[in-house]
Amino acid sequence: MYENKRPEVITQTNQKNVIIVDDEPDIIELVTLHLNKSGYRVRSFENGSSALDYIQQNPPDLIILDLMLPDYDGLELCKMLKKDDKYSSIPVIMLTARNEEMDKVLGLEIGADDYVTKPFSPRELIARIKAVLRREDKFVKTNLLNIGDILEIDLQKYEVFVNKEKVDLTTTEFKILKLLAEKRGWVYSRESILDFLGVQEKGVLDRTVDVHIKNLREKLTVAARFIKNIRGVGYKLDET
């Protein structure tokens, strides 16, 4: 039997934000209790609609999702989230009494990060949550480039920030910045930059790259100094 003492649904910590979507109050109580003890900030929902409304306003760090909800099939809800670029990177652990192999396969195929069946060990669930979040943190770190403490490039979301302010770049400008930033200090000729962009017209080599670099520098403002022009050769990105 699950414990019948209901903890606070929300706790204030500086840890990860986890939401539980399950229509069984005992399960919510048990999972919330152990998440609180592990230092997580927790919010719970007993149906998919209210959870979805909350996620759209406050994307969590991880979702614990039951498959059998009163208003949603958990697989469909997971599929909806994973198909939306805004929420696709949020890890989902499915927690359900349905232990058929096909359910597990479908859940993992549509993007769930782990699958735990009821009844379950709370300690094992917490261990799996920690493992999934560690993988996510590692993935995020490898997809974030920080340059000179003022320029941040998110390779997954195609976003660039200068002094924490978002900078709107064209796709071509982002690709050039990505190319230079991933191999800092390497000098790329104009021709190699255009080859990277997939441009094959040789008659526009120099001018095309120079125009893109000029526009990129203007948008990067104070971070423009990192892009260096190597006379007669091309461009590089250097923090010095």
Protein backbone atom coordinates (compact mmCIF):
# COMPACT_ATOMS: atom_id res chain seq x y z
CA MET A 1 0.00 0.00 0.00
CA TYR A 2 1.10 3.52 -0.77
CA GLU A 3 1.49 6.00 2.07
CA ASN A 4 -1.57 8.12 2.72
CA LYS A 5 0.11 11.29 3.96
CA ARG A 6 -0.21 13.97 1.29
CA PRO A 7 2.82 16.30 1.05
CA GLU A 8 2.84 19.80 -0.33
CA VAL A 9 2.35 19.73 -4.08
CA ILE A 10 4.79 22.60 -4.66
CA THR A 11 8.05 23.11 -2.83
CA GLN A 12 10.44 26.00 -3.24
CA THR A 13 14.01 24.95 -3.97
CA ASN A 14 16.65 25.83 -6.50
CA GLN A 15 16.51 22.34 -8.03
CA LYS A 16 14.88 21.02 -11.18
CA ASN A 17 11.18 21.52 -11.82
CA VAL A 18 9.35 18.18 -12.21
CA ILE A 19 5.65 17.71 -12.94
CA ILE A 20 3.60 14.58 -12.29
CA VAL A 21 0.58 13.77 -14.44
CA ASP A 22 -1.41 10.92 -12.88
CA ASP A 23 -5.07 10.46 -11.90
CA GLU A 24 -4.24 8.38 -8.80
CA PRO A 25 -3.86 10.62 -5.71
CA ASP A 26 -1.87 7.94 -3.85
CA ILE A 27 0.69 7.80 -6.65
CA ILE A 28 0.97 11.60 -6.71
CA GLU A 29 1.50 11.65 -2.94
CA LEU A 30 4.15 8.96 -3.01
CA VAL A 31 6.13 10.37 -5.93
CA THR A 32 5.88 13.95 -4.65
CA LEU A 33 7.08 12.90 -1.20
CA HIS A 34 10.22 11.27 -2.59
CA LEU A 35 10.89 14.05 -5.09
CA ASN A 36 10.63 16.61 -2.28
CA LYS A 37 13.10 14.62 -0.21
CA SER A 38 15.50 14.64 -3.15
CA GLY A 39 15.23 18.42 -3.45
CA TYR A 40 13.11 18.76 -6.59
CA ARG A 41 10.44 21.40 -7.13
CA VAL A 42 7.20 19.50 -7.83
CA ARG A 43 3.82 20.25 -9.40
CA SER A 44 1.12 17.63 -9.92
CA PHE A 45 -1.93 17.25 -12.18
CA GLU A 46 -4.66 14.64 -12.32
CA ASN A 47 -5.56 15.13 -15.98
CA GLY A 48 -3.78 15.88 -19.23
CA SER A 49 -5.58 19.14 -20.06
CA SER A 50 -4.52 21.01 -16.93
CA ALA A 51 -0.99 19.62 -17.25
CA LEU A 52 -0.77 20.77 -20.88
CA ASP A 53 -2.00 24.27 -19.96
CA TYR A 54 0.70 24.49 -17.29
CA ILE A 55 3.46 23.12 -19.54
CA GLN A 56 2.67 25.72 -22.21
CA GLN A 57 3.18 28.51 -19.67
CA ASN A 58 5.90 26.93 -17.51
CA PRO A 59 7.93 24.28 -19.34
CA PRO A 60 9.32 21.90 -16.69
CA ASP A 61 12.67 20.13 -16.60
CA LEU A 62 11.02 16.70 -16.62
CA ILE A 63 7.55 15.15 -16.89
CA ILE A 64 6.37 11.97 -15.15
CA LEU A 65 3.40 10.86 -17.23
CA ASP A 66 0.75 8.20 -16.66
CA LEU A 67 -0.57 6.48 -19.79
CA MET A 68 -4.18 6.17 -18.62
CA LEU A 69 -5.61 9.62 -17.89
CA PRO A 70 -9.31 10.57 -17.75
CA ASP A 71 -9.08 12.92 -20.73
CA TYR A 72 -5.94 11.92 -22.64
CA ASP A 73 -4.11 8.84 -23.71
CA GLY A 74 -0.62 9.33 -22.27
CA LEU A 75 1.01 8.13 -25.47
CA GLU A 76 -0.86 10.76 -27.48
CA LEU A 77 0.02 13.49 -25.00
CA CYS A 78 3.69 12.51 -25.15
CA LYS A 79 3.54 12.45 -28.93
CA MET A 80 2.03 15.96 -29.01
CA LEU A 81 4.81 17.33 -26.83
CA LYS A 82 7.62 15.61 -28.72
CA LYS A 83 6.33 16.93 -32.07
CA ASP A 84 6.34 20.53 -30.83
CA ASP A 85 9.77 22.20 -31.03
CA LYS A 86 9.00 24.24 -27.89
CA TYR A 87 8.61 21.15 -25.73
CA SER A 88 10.34 18.33 -27.61
CA SER A 89 13.49 18.56 -25.48
CA ILE A 90 11.60 18.06 -22.17
CA PRO A 91 12.38 14.54 -20.89
CA VAL A 92 9.34 12.30 -20.29
CA ILE A 93 9.27 9.27 -18.00
CA MET A 94 6.16 7.16 -18.44
CA LEU A 95 4.77 5.73 -15.20
CA THR A 96 1.96 3.26 -15.78
CA ALA A 97 0.27 0.00 -14.84
CA ARG A 98 0.31 -1.01 -18.50
CA ASN A 99 3.32 -3.29 -18.74
CA GLU A 100 2.76 -4.86 -22.16
CA GLU A 101 5.89 -4.86 -24.29
CA MET A 102 4.10 -3.06 -27.15
CA ASP A 103 3.17 -0.15 -24.86
CA LYS A 104 6.80 0.23 -23.84
CA VAL A 105 7.99 0.05 -27.45
CA LEU A 106 5.43 2.64 -28.58
CA GLY A 107 6.30 4.96 -25.70
CA LEU A 108 10.01 4.85 -26.45
CA GLU A 109 9.47 5.17 -30.20
CA ILE A 110 7.46 8.39 -29.85
CA GLY A 111 10.17 9.94 -27.71
CA ALA A 112 9.68 8.91 -24.07
CA ASP A 113 13.02 8.85 -22.25
CA ASP A 114 12.19 6.02 -19.86
CA TYR A 115 9.30 3.72 -18.89
CA VAL A 116 8.48 2.62 -15.33
CA THR A 117 5.67 0.20 -14.52
CA LYS A 118 3.44 0.12 -11.43
CA PRO A 119 3.92 -1.05 -8.74
CA PHE A 120 7.34 0.53 -8.58
CA SER A 121 10.16 1.27 -6.20
CA PRO A 122 10.26 5.01 -5.35
CA ARG A 123 14.04 4.80 -4.94
CA GLU A 124 14.39 3.29 -8.40
CA LEU A 125 12.14 5.97 -9.89
CA ILE A 126 14.25 8.74 -8.31
CA ALA A 127 17.41 7.06 -9.63
CA ARG A 128 15.94 6.97 -13.13
CA ILE A 129 14.88 10.61 -12.89
CA LYS A 130 18.40 11.60 -11.89
CA ALA A 131 19.88 9.55 -14.73
CA VAL A 132 17.58 11.12 -17.34
CA LEU A 133 18.31 14.64 -16.08
CA ARG A 134 22.06 13.96 -16.11
CA ARG A 135 21.81 12.88 -19.74
CA GLU A 136 19.80 15.98 -20.56
CA ASP A 137 22.26 18.29 -18.79
CA LYS A 138 25.15 16.70 -20.68
CA PHE A 139 23.27 17.06 -23.97
CA VAL A 140 22.44 20.72 -23.30
CA LYS A 141 26.05 21.52 -22.38
CA THR A 142 27.37 19.97 -25.58
CA ASN A 143 24.91 22.06 -27.58
CA LEU A 144 25.73 25.39 -25.96
CA LEU A 145 28.75 27.40 -27.03
CA ASN A 146 29.85 30.22 -24.73
CA ILE A 147 32.36 32.73 -26.06
CA GLY A 148 34.02 35.45 -24.05
CA ASP A 149 31.29 35.40 -21.38
CA ILE A 150 29.05 37.56 -23.57
CA LEU A 151 28.18 35.43 -26.60
CA GLU A 152 26.07 32.27 -26.24
CA ILE A 153 25.10 30.03 -29.16
CA ASP A 154 22.43 27.34 -28.73
CA LEU A 155 23.11 24.83 -31.49
CA GLN A 156 19.93 22.89 -30.87
CA LYS A 157 17.46 25.77 -30.82
CA TYR A 158 19.32 27.92 -33.39
CA GLU A 159 19.37 30.83 -30.93
CA VAL A 160 22.08 33.39 -30.22
CA PHE A 161 22.38 35.69 -27.20
CA VAL A 162 24.69 38.63 -26.61
CA ASN A 163 24.85 39.70 -22.97
CA LYS A 164 21.72 37.57 -22.38
CA GLU A 165 19.78 39.46 -25.06
CA LYS A 166 18.50 37.36 -27.95
CA VAL A 167 19.85 38.23 -31.39
CA ASP A 168 17.79 37.41 -34.48
CA LEU A 169 19.98 35.94 -37.21
CA THR A 170 19.09 34.58 -40.60
CA THR A 171 19.70 30.87 -41.16
CA THR A 172 22.78 31.66 -43.25
CA GLU A 173 24.20 34.02 -40.63
CA PHE A 174 23.67 31.41 -37.92
CA LYS A 175 25.39 28.72 -39.97
CA ILE A 176 28.42 30.92 -40.56
CA LEU A 177 28.64 31.80 -36.86
CA LYS A 178 28.27 28.12 -35.94
CA LEU A 179 31.03 27.12 -38.35
CA LEU A 180 33.46 29.67 -36.95
CA ALA A 181 32.51 29.09 -33.30
CA GLU A 182 32.83 25.31 -33.32
CA LYS A 183 36.46 25.54 -34.44
CA ARG A 184 37.63 28.68 -32.68
CA GLY A 185 40.90 29.97 -34.04
CA TRP A 186 40.61 28.09 -37.34
CA VAL A 187 40.77 30.29 -40.41
CA TYR A 188 38.13 29.58 -43.08
CA SER A 189 38.52 30.88 -46.60
CA ARG A 190 35.54 32.50 -48.27
CA GLU A 191 35.33 29.55 -50.62
CA SER A 192 35.26 27.01 -47.78
CA ILE A 193 32.51 29.01 -46.03
CA LEU A 194 30.39 28.97 -49.17
CA ASP A 195 31.06 25.27 -49.64
CA PHE A 196 29.77 24.74 -46.09
CA LEU A 197 26.65 26.73 -46.98
CA GLY A 198 26.15 24.69 -50.14
CA VAL A 199 26.71 27.61 -52.53
CA GLN A 200 28.27 26.45 -55.77
CA GLU A 201 28.30 29.63 -57.90
CA LYS A 202 31.96 30.63 -58.09
CA GLY A 203 31.26 34.10 -59.41
CA VAL A 204 29.86 35.36 -56.12
CA LEU A 205 32.43 33.97 -53.70
CA ASP A 206 34.08 36.96 -52.07
CA ARG A 207 31.23 39.44 -52.08
CA THR A 208 28.61 37.00 -50.77
CA VAL A 209 30.63 35.99 -47.72
CA ASP A 210 31.67 39.56 -46.96
CA VAL A 211 28.06 40.77 -46.99
CA HIS A 212 26.94 37.99 -44.65
CA ILE A 213 29.85 38.67 -42.27
CA LYS A 214 29.09 42.41 -42.30
CA ASN A 215 25.44 41.80 -41.40
CA LEU A 216 26.41 39.24 -38.77
CA ARG A 217 28.83 41.65 -37.10
CA GLU A 218 26.24 44.41 -37.00
CA LYS A 219 23.77 42.13 -35.24
CA LEU A 220 26.32 40.81 -32.75
CA THR A 221 27.20 44.37 -31.62
CA VAL A 222 29.82 44.10 -28.84
CA ALA A 223 30.46 40.44 -29.67
CA ALA A 224 31.36 41.33 -33.26
CA ARG A 225 34.97 41.75 -32.19
CA PHE A 226 35.33 37.96 -31.93
CA ILE A 227 35.02 37.60 -35.73
CA LYS A 228 38.41 38.42 -37.24
CA ASN A 229 39.20 39.16 -40.89
CA ILE A 230 42.44 37.48 -41.99
CA ARG A 231 43.50 39.63 -44.93
CA GLY A 232 43.82 37.71 -48.16
CA VAL A 233 42.62 34.47 -46.57
CA GLY A 234 39.20 34.60 -44.90
CA TYR A 235 37.68 34.70 -41.43
CA LYS A 236 38.04 33.14 -38.01
CA LEU A 237 36.43 33.46 -34.58
CA ASP A 238 38.79 34.17 -31.71
CA GLU A 239 38.06 35.13 -28.10
CA THR A 240 41.30 37.06 -27.67
